[in-house]
Amino acid sequence: MARANHTSSSDAPRDAIALLKQDHRAVEALFDEFMDADESEQSELATRICQMLTVHTQIEEELLYPQAKQAFDEEDDEMVYEAEIEHGSAKELIAKIEAGTPEDPEFKPLVTVLCEYVKHHVKEEEKELFPALKETELDLKELGSQLAQRKMQLMEQMGIEAEEAPAPQRKRSGSRSTRTSAAKRRQARAGSRSKSARSSASRARH
C-alpha cells in the first residue's frame, strides 16, 4: 500500500481531466501489450484491462457524469448520456471477457472489439466532453481530488497497485534486461567452447 500512496501524492494529476487522460493512456498501453502478447500472457493482461476499465467507468459514473450534468445545459447533457450508454456496452464486453479464457476462439476478438470501443469512447470524451467541461464553472481540481480518492479506494478493494498502470514500460525494461542476460550467457557459452577447443587441440599435439 505504501507504493500506491506514493503514486497518489507526487505523481497525481493536477485535475480531473488530467487524471482521466492518464487512465486512458494506461489502458491503451495495456491493449497494445495484449495484442503483442503470447497466449500464455493474454489472460493476465485481459484481467488487468478489465479491472482498470471497471474502476475507470465507476469513478466516471459516480462522480464525473453527475457533476457534468449539473454543470451543462440541456444540449451538452446529451454527451454525458451518450457516454453512459457506451459504458453499458463496454461493461457487457468486459463481463464476457472475464467469463472466458484465452483458449476460447472468441476471447481475443472480444478484447479487440473492446479495444476499438474504448478508443471511440476516449476520442469522444477527449475531443468533446472534456473541452466542454473546461468551459463550465465546475471545479476540476476538486473533482480531480474526488476521482483520485475514489479510484484509490476501488483499486485497493480489487487488490490493484496504482503504479502497475504503466506496465508496458516495465515490460520493455525487463525485456532489455532479459536480452542483456541472454547475451552474457551466449558469450559465456562461446568462451567455454573456445576454451574446450583449445584444450582438445593441446591434448592432440601431445
C-alpha atoms as a PDB file:
ATOM      1  CA  MET A   1       0.000   0.000   0.000  1.00  0.00           C
ATOM      2  CA  ALA A   2       2.935   2.325   0.602  1.00  0.00           C
ATOM      3  CA  ARG A   3       3.836   2.351  -3.069  1.00  0.00           C
ATOM      4  CA  ALA A   4       0.269   3.143  -4.042  1.00  0.00           C
ATOM      5  CA  ASN A   5       0.273   6.096  -1.639  1.00  0.00           C
ATOM      6  CA  HIS A   6       3.453   7.372  -3.276  1.00  0.00           C
ATOM      7  CA  THR A   7       1.737   7.312  -6.657  1.00  0.00           C
ATOM      8  CA  SER A   8      -1.296   9.164  -5.342  1.00  0.00           C
ATOM      9  CA  SER A   9       0.818  12.030  -3.975  1.00  0.00           C
ATOM     10  CA  SER A  10       3.824  13.049  -6.047  1.00  0.00           C
ATOM     11  CA  ASP A  11       2.617  11.555  -9.334  1.00  0.00           C
ATOM     12  CA  ALA A  12      -1.063  12.521  -9.053  1.00  0.00           C
ATOM     13  CA  PRO A  13      -2.532  14.523 -11.947  1.00  0.00           C
ATOM     14  CA  ARG A  14      -3.485  18.111 -11.203  1.00  0.00           C
ATOM     15  CA  ASP A  15      -7.169  17.939 -12.139  1.00  0.00           C
ATOM     16  CA  ALA A  16      -9.988  15.628 -13.197  1.00  0.00           C
ATOM     17  CA  ILE A  17      -9.254  15.790 -16.917  1.00  0.00           C
ATOM     18  CA  ALA A  18      -5.550  15.076 -16.418  1.00  0.00           C
ATOM     19  CA  LEU A  19      -6.366  12.086 -14.209  1.00  0.00           C
ATOM     20  CA  LEU A  20      -8.845  10.618 -16.677  1.00  0.00           C
ATOM     21  CA  LYS A  21      -6.489  11.122 -19.610  1.00  0.00           C
ATOM     22  CA  GLN A  22      -3.759   9.360 -17.637  1.00  0.00           C
ATOM     23  CA  ASP A  23      -6.149   6.421 -17.210  1.00  0.00           C
ATOM     24  CA  HIS A  24      -6.864   6.445 -20.942  1.00  0.00           C
ATOM     25  CA  ARG A  25      -3.164   6.257 -21.841  1.00  0.00           C
ATOM     26  CA  ALA A  26      -2.554   3.460 -19.322  1.00  0.00           C
ATOM     27  CA  VAL A  27      -5.373   1.313 -20.706  1.00  0.00           C
ATOM     28  CA  GLU A  28      -4.297   1.979 -24.300  1.00  0.00           C
ATOM     29  CA  ALA A  29      -0.805   0.756 -23.403  1.00  0.00           C
ATOM     30  CA  LEU A  30      -2.267  -2.420 -21.905  1.00  0.00           C
ATOM     31  CA  PHE A  31      -4.287  -3.063 -25.061  1.00  0.00           C
ATOM     32  CA  ASP A  32      -1.118  -2.682 -27.152  1.00  0.00           C
ATOM     33  CA  GLU A  33       0.695  -5.099 -24.884  1.00  0.00           C
ATOM     34  CA  PHE A  34      -2.164  -7.605 -25.122  1.00  0.00           C
ATOM     35  CA  MET A  35      -2.135  -7.568 -28.925  1.00  0.00           C
ATOM     36  CA  ASP A  36       1.602  -8.388 -28.984  1.00  0.00           C
ATOM     37  CA  ALA A  37       1.496 -10.922 -26.157  1.00  0.00           C
ATOM     38  CA  ASP A  38       1.658 -14.717 -26.296  1.00  0.00           C
ATOM     39  CA  GLU A  39      -1.471 -16.637 -25.358  1.00  0.00           C
ATOM     40  CA  SER A  40       0.129 -17.503 -22.023  1.00  0.00           C
ATOM     41  CA  GLU A  41       0.300 -13.805 -21.127  1.00  0.00           C
ATOM     42  CA  GLN A  42      -3.048 -12.712 -22.533  1.00  0.00           C
ATOM     43  CA  SER A  43      -5.192 -13.909 -19.636  1.00  0.00           C
ATOM     44  CA  GLU A  44      -3.364 -11.776 -17.069  1.00  0.00           C
ATOM     45  CA  LEU A  45      -3.329  -8.742 -19.366  1.00  0.00           C
ATOM     46  CA  ALA A  46      -7.031  -9.087 -20.164  1.00  0.00           C
ATOM     47  CA  THR A  47      -7.795  -9.283 -16.451  1.00  0.00           C
ATOM     48  CA  ARG A  48      -5.775  -6.143 -15.849  1.00  0.00           C
ATOM     49  CA  ILE A  49      -7.533  -4.311 -18.691  1.00  0.00           C
ATOM     50  CA  CYS A  50     -10.953  -5.275 -17.352  1.00  0.00           C
ATOM     51  CA  GLN A  51     -10.035  -4.225 -13.828  1.00  0.00           C
ATOM     52  CA  MET A  52      -8.712  -0.849 -14.916  1.00  0.00           C
ATOM     53  CA  LEU A  53     -11.739  -0.162 -17.099  1.00  0.00           C
ATOM     54  CA  THR A  54     -14.114  -1.235 -14.334  1.00  0.00           C
ATOM     55  CA  VAL A  55     -12.523   1.245 -11.922  1.00  0.00           C
ATOM     56  CA  HIS A  56     -12.396   3.988 -14.557  1.00  0.00           C
ATOM     57  CA  THR A  57     -16.031   3.635 -15.598  1.00  0.00           C
ATOM     58  CA  GLN A  58     -17.191   3.517 -11.984  1.00  0.00           C
ATOM     59  CA  ILE A  59     -15.467   6.737 -10.915  1.00  0.00           C
ATOM     60  CA  GLU A  60     -16.819   8.488 -14.007  1.00  0.00           C
ATOM     61  CA  GLU A  61     -20.352   7.277 -13.342  1.00  0.00           C
ATOM     62  CA  GLU A  62     -20.250   8.058  -9.622  1.00  0.00           C
ATOM     63  CA  LEU A  63     -18.556  11.458  -9.785  1.00  0.00           C
ATOM     64  CA  LEU A  64     -17.800  12.879 -13.229  1.00  0.00           C
ATOM     65  CA  TYR A  65     -21.072  12.345 -15.073  1.00  0.00           C
ATOM     66  CA  PRO A  66     -23.452  13.552 -12.316  1.00  0.00           C
ATOM     67  CA  GLN A  67     -21.420  16.737 -11.825  1.00  0.00           C
ATOM     68  CA  ALA A  68     -21.133  17.248 -15.582  1.00  0.00           C
ATOM     69  CA  LYS A  69     -24.910  17.045 -15.932  1.00  0.00           C
ATOM     70  CA  GLN A  70     -25.307  19.736 -13.285  1.00  0.00           C
ATOM     71  CA  ALA A  71     -22.735  21.969 -14.960  1.00  0.00           C
ATOM     72  CA  PHE A  72     -24.008  21.539 -18.546  1.00  0.00           C
ATOM     73  CA  ASP A  73     -27.095  22.914 -20.227  1.00  0.00           C
ATOM     74  CA  GLU A  74     -29.578  20.516 -21.845  1.00  0.00           C
ATOM     75  CA  GLU A  75     -27.754  20.437 -25.193  1.00  0.00           C
ATOM     76  CA  ASP A  76     -24.398  19.399 -23.704  1.00  0.00           C
ATOM     77  CA  ASP A  77     -26.162  16.908 -21.413  1.00  0.00           C
ATOM     78  CA  GLU A  78     -26.546  14.622 -24.421  1.00  0.00           C
ATOM     79  CA  MET A  79     -22.786  13.967 -24.444  1.00  0.00           C
ATOM     80  CA  VAL A  80     -22.988  12.625 -20.901  1.00  0.00           C
ATOM     81  CA  TYR A  81     -25.936  10.355 -21.637  1.00  0.00           C
ATOM     82  CA  GLU A  82     -24.162   9.011 -24.737  1.00  0.00           C
ATOM     83  CA  ALA A  83     -21.069   8.293 -22.626  1.00  0.00           C
ATOM     84  CA  GLU A  84     -23.189   6.419 -20.076  1.00  0.00           C
ATOM     85  CA  ILE A  85     -24.764   4.293 -22.812  1.00  0.00           C
ATOM     86  CA  GLU A  86     -21.304   3.497 -24.210  1.00  0.00           C
ATOM     87  CA  HIS A  87     -20.221   2.433 -20.729  1.00  0.00           C
ATOM     88  CA  GLY A  88     -23.096  -0.054 -20.644  1.00  0.00           C
ATOM     89  CA  SER A  89     -21.937  -1.706 -23.861  1.00  0.00           C
ATOM     90  CA  ALA A  90     -18.323  -1.800 -22.643  1.00  0.00           C
ATOM     91  CA  LYS A  91     -19.433  -3.489 -19.409  1.00  0.00           C
ATOM     92  CA  GLU A  92     -21.144  -6.250 -21.404  1.00  0.00           C
ATOM     93  CA  LEU A  93     -17.907  -6.928 -23.289  1.00  0.00           C
ATOM     94  CA  ILE A  94     -15.897  -6.869 -20.051  1.00  0.00           C
ATOM     95  CA  ALA A  95     -18.245  -9.435 -18.484  1.00  0.00           C
ATOM     96  CA  LYS A  96     -17.811 -11.771 -21.482  1.00  0.00           C
ATOM     97  CA  ILE A  97     -14.023 -11.425 -21.378  1.00  0.00           C
ATOM     98  CA  GLU A  98     -13.884 -12.100 -17.634  1.00  0.00           C
ATOM     99  CA  ALA A  99     -16.011 -15.218 -18.116  1.00  0.00           C
ATOM    100  CA  GLY A 100     -13.737 -16.602 -20.847  1.00  0.00           C
ATOM    101  CA  THR A 101     -10.178 -17.840 -21.276  1.00  0.00           C
ATOM    102  CA  PRO A 102      -7.527 -17.347 -23.997  1.00  0.00           C
ATOM    103  CA  GLU A 103      -8.347 -20.858 -25.236  1.00  0.00           C
ATOM    104  CA  ASP A 104     -11.819 -19.690 -26.293  1.00  0.00           C
ATOM    105  CA  PRO A 105     -11.913 -18.772 -30.006  1.00  0.00           C
ATOM    106  CA  GLU A 106     -13.804 -15.562 -29.275  1.00  0.00           C
ATOM    107  CA  PHE A 107     -11.516 -14.405 -26.441  1.00  0.00           C
ATOM    108  CA  LYS A 108      -9.048 -12.282 -28.427  1.00  0.00           C
ATOM    109  CA  PRO A 109     -11.759 -10.935 -30.775  1.00  0.00           C
ATOM    110  CA  LEU A 110     -13.728  -9.788 -27.720  1.00  0.00           C
ATOM    111  CA  VAL A 111     -10.692  -7.918 -26.392  1.00  0.00           C
ATOM    112  CA  THR A 112     -10.092  -6.452 -29.858  1.00  0.00           C
ATOM    113  CA  VAL A 113     -13.680  -5.197 -30.076  1.00  0.00           C
ATOM    114  CA  LEU A 114     -13.425  -3.765 -26.561  1.00  0.00           C
ATOM    115  CA  CYS A 115     -10.214  -2.004 -27.578  1.00  0.00           C
ATOM    116  CA  GLU A 116     -11.901  -0.378 -30.596  1.00  0.00           C
ATOM    117  CA  TYR A 117     -14.918   0.537 -28.497  1.00  0.00           C
ATOM    118  CA  VAL A 118     -12.771   2.150 -25.820  1.00  0.00           C
ATOM    119  CA  LYS A 119     -10.778   4.079 -28.439  1.00  0.00           C
ATOM    120  CA  HIS A 120     -14.004   5.530 -29.819  1.00  0.00           C
ATOM    121  CA  HIS A 121     -15.247   6.409 -26.343  1.00  0.00           C
ATOM    122  CA  VAL A 122     -11.932   8.025 -25.386  1.00  0.00           C
ATOM    123  CA  LYS A 123     -11.851  10.065 -28.585  1.00  0.00           C
ATOM    124  CA  GLU A 124     -15.314  11.481 -27.915  1.00  0.00           C
ATOM    125  CA  GLU A 125     -14.501  12.281 -24.298  1.00  0.00           C
ATOM    126  CA  GLU A 126     -11.215  13.987 -25.077  1.00  0.00           C
ATOM    127  CA  LYS A 127     -12.421  15.861 -28.186  1.00  0.00           C
ATOM    128  CA  GLU A 128     -15.889  16.865 -26.983  1.00  0.00           C
ATOM    129  CA  LEU A 129     -16.748  16.188 -23.335  1.00  0.00           C
ATOM    130  CA  PHE A 130     -13.525  17.340 -21.689  1.00  0.00           C
ATOM    131  CA  PRO A 131     -13.235  20.630 -23.641  1.00  0.00           C
ATOM    132  CA  ALA A 132     -16.890  21.356 -22.818  1.00  0.00           C
ATOM    133  CA  LEU A 133     -16.201  20.725 -19.122  1.00  0.00           C
ATOM    134  CA  LYS A 134     -13.406  23.296 -19.201  1.00  0.00           C
ATOM    135  CA  GLU A 135     -15.939  25.909 -20.295  1.00  0.00           C
ATOM    136  CA  THR A 136     -18.138  25.351 -17.234  1.00  0.00           C
ATOM    137  CA  GLU A 137     -17.725  26.620 -13.675  1.00  0.00           C
ATOM    138  CA  LEU A 138     -17.022  23.102 -12.429  1.00  0.00           C
ATOM    139  CA  ASP A 139     -14.027  22.964 -10.073  1.00  0.00           C
ATOM    140  CA  LEU A 140     -11.904  20.437 -11.959  1.00  0.00           C
ATOM    141  CA  LYS A 141      -9.174  20.351  -9.299  1.00  0.00           C
ATOM    142  CA  GLU A 142     -11.666  19.469  -6.578  1.00  0.00           C
ATOM    143  CA  LEU A 143     -13.291  16.894  -8.844  1.00  0.00           C
ATOM    144  CA  GLY A 144      -9.840  15.508  -9.599  1.00  0.00           C
ATOM    145  CA  SER A 145      -9.207  15.021  -5.885  1.00  0.00           C
ATOM    146  CA  GLN A 146     -12.529  13.217  -5.514  1.00  0.00           C
ATOM    147  CA  LEU A 147     -11.816  10.984  -8.501  1.00  0.00           C
ATOM    148  CA  ALA A 148      -8.308  10.154  -7.273  1.00  0.00           C
ATOM    149  CA  GLN A 149      -9.558   9.270  -3.794  1.00  0.00           C
ATOM    150  CA  ARG A 150     -12.379   7.071  -5.070  1.00  0.00           C
ATOM    151  CA  LYS A 151     -10.085   5.435  -7.617  1.00  0.00           C
ATOM    152  CA  MET A 152      -7.598   4.528  -4.899  1.00  0.00           C
ATOM    153  CA  GLN A 153     -10.373   3.059  -2.742  1.00  0.00           C
ATOM    154  CA  LEU A 154     -11.632   0.885  -5.582  1.00  0.00           C
ATOM    155  CA  MET A 155      -8.154  -0.254  -6.593  1.00  0.00           C
ATOM    156  CA  GLU A 156      -7.339  -1.233  -3.021  1.00  0.00           C
ATOM    157  CA  GLN A 157     -10.605  -3.193  -2.818  1.00  0.00           C
ATOM    158  CA  MET A 158      -9.683  -5.046  -6.011  1.00  0.00           C
ATOM    159  CA  GLY A 159      -6.058  -5.572  -4.961  1.00  0.00           C
ATOM    160  CA  ILE A 160      -4.603  -3.450  -7.760  1.00  0.00           C
ATOM    161  CA  GLU A 161      -1.460  -1.423  -7.135  1.00  0.00           C
ATOM    162  CA  ALA A 162      -1.678   2.039  -8.685  1.00  0.00           C
ATOM    163  CA  GLU A 163       1.796   2.101 -10.191  1.00  0.00           C
ATOM    164  CA  GLU A 164       1.046  -1.071 -12.190  1.00  0.00           C
ATOM    165  CA  ALA A 165      -0.690   1.152 -14.786  1.00  0.00           C
ATOM    166  CA  PRO A 166       2.433   1.813 -16.934  1.00  0.00           C
ATOM    167  CA  ALA A 167       3.043  -1.921 -17.323  1.00  0.00           C
ATOM    168  CA  PRO A 168       4.461  -1.750 -20.881  1.00  0.00           C
ATOM    169  CA  GLN A 169       7.337   0.434 -19.661  1.00  0.00           C
ATOM    170  CA  ARG A 170       8.311  -2.126 -17.062  1.00  0.00           C
ATOM    171  CA  LYS A 171       7.999  -4.892 -19.625  1.00  0.00           C
ATOM    172  CA  ARG A 172      10.316  -3.114 -22.034  1.00  0.00           C
ATOM    173  CA  SER A 173      12.806  -2.608 -19.230  1.00  0.00           C
ATOM    174  CA  GLY A 174      12.523  -6.274 -18.336  1.00  0.00           C
ATOM    175  CA  SER A 175      12.977  -7.254 -21.956  1.00  0.00           C
ATOM    176  CA  ARG A 176      16.184  -5.270 -22.179  1.00  0.00           C
ATOM    177  CA  SER A 177      17.406  -6.958 -19.028  1.00  0.00           C
ATOM    178  CA  THR A 178      16.466 -10.356 -20.427  1.00  0.00           C
ATOM    179  CA  ARG A 179      18.246  -9.634 -23.702  1.00  0.00           C
ATOM    180  CA  THR A 180      21.355  -8.499 -21.815  1.00  0.00           C
ATOM    181  CA  SER A 181      21.365 -11.639 -19.674  1.00  0.00           C
ATOM    182  CA  ALA A 182      20.875 -13.829 -22.729  1.00  0.00           C
ATOM    183  CA  ALA A 183      23.781 -12.127 -24.493  1.00  0.00           C
ATOM    184  CA  LYS A 184      26.017 -12.719 -21.481  1.00  0.00           C
ATOM    185  CA  ARG A 185      25.030 -16.373 -21.416  1.00  0.00           C
ATOM    186  CA  ARG A 186      25.814 -16.727 -25.122  1.00  0.00           C
ATOM    187  CA  GLN A 187      29.210 -15.095 -24.584  1.00  0.00           C
ATOM    188  CA  ALA A 188      29.926 -17.429 -21.674  1.00  0.00           C
ATOM    189  CA  ARG A 189      28.997 -20.486 -23.742  1.00  0.00           C
ATOM    190  CA  ALA A 190      31.141 -19.262 -26.636  1.00  0.00           C
ATOM    191  CA  GLY A 191      34.066 -18.726 -24.276  1.00  0.00           C
ATOM    192  CA  SER A 192      33.579 -22.179 -22.820  1.00  0.00           C
ATOM    193  CA  ARG A 193      33.525 -23.786 -26.278  1.00  0.00           C
ATOM    194  CA  SER A 194      36.671 -21.876 -27.268  1.00  0.00           C
ATOM    195  CA  LYS A 195      38.470 -22.992 -24.122  1.00  0.00           C
ATOM    196  CA  SER A 196      37.359 -26.579 -24.695  1.00  0.00           C
ATOM    197  CA  ALA A 197      38.584 -26.453 -28.291  1.00  0.00           C
ATOM    198  CA  ARG A 198      41.997 -25.145 -27.227  1.00  0.00           C
ATOM    199  CA  SER A 199      42.244 -27.867 -24.584  1.00  0.00           C
ATOM    200  CA  SER A 200      41.396 -30.586 -27.147  1.00  0.00           C
ATOM    201  CA  ALA A 201      43.936 -29.226 -29.591  1.00  0.00           C
ATOM    202  CA  SER A 202      46.608 -29.201 -26.864  1.00  0.00           C
ATOM    203  CA  ARG A 203      45.887 -32.835 -25.985  1.00  0.00           C
ATOM    204  CA  ALA A 204      46.044 -33.815 -29.652  1.00  0.00           C
ATOM    205  CA  ARG A 205      49.531 -32.280 -30.026  1.00  0.00           C
ATOM    206  CA  HIS A 206      50.781 -34.284 -27.055  1.00  0.00           C
END
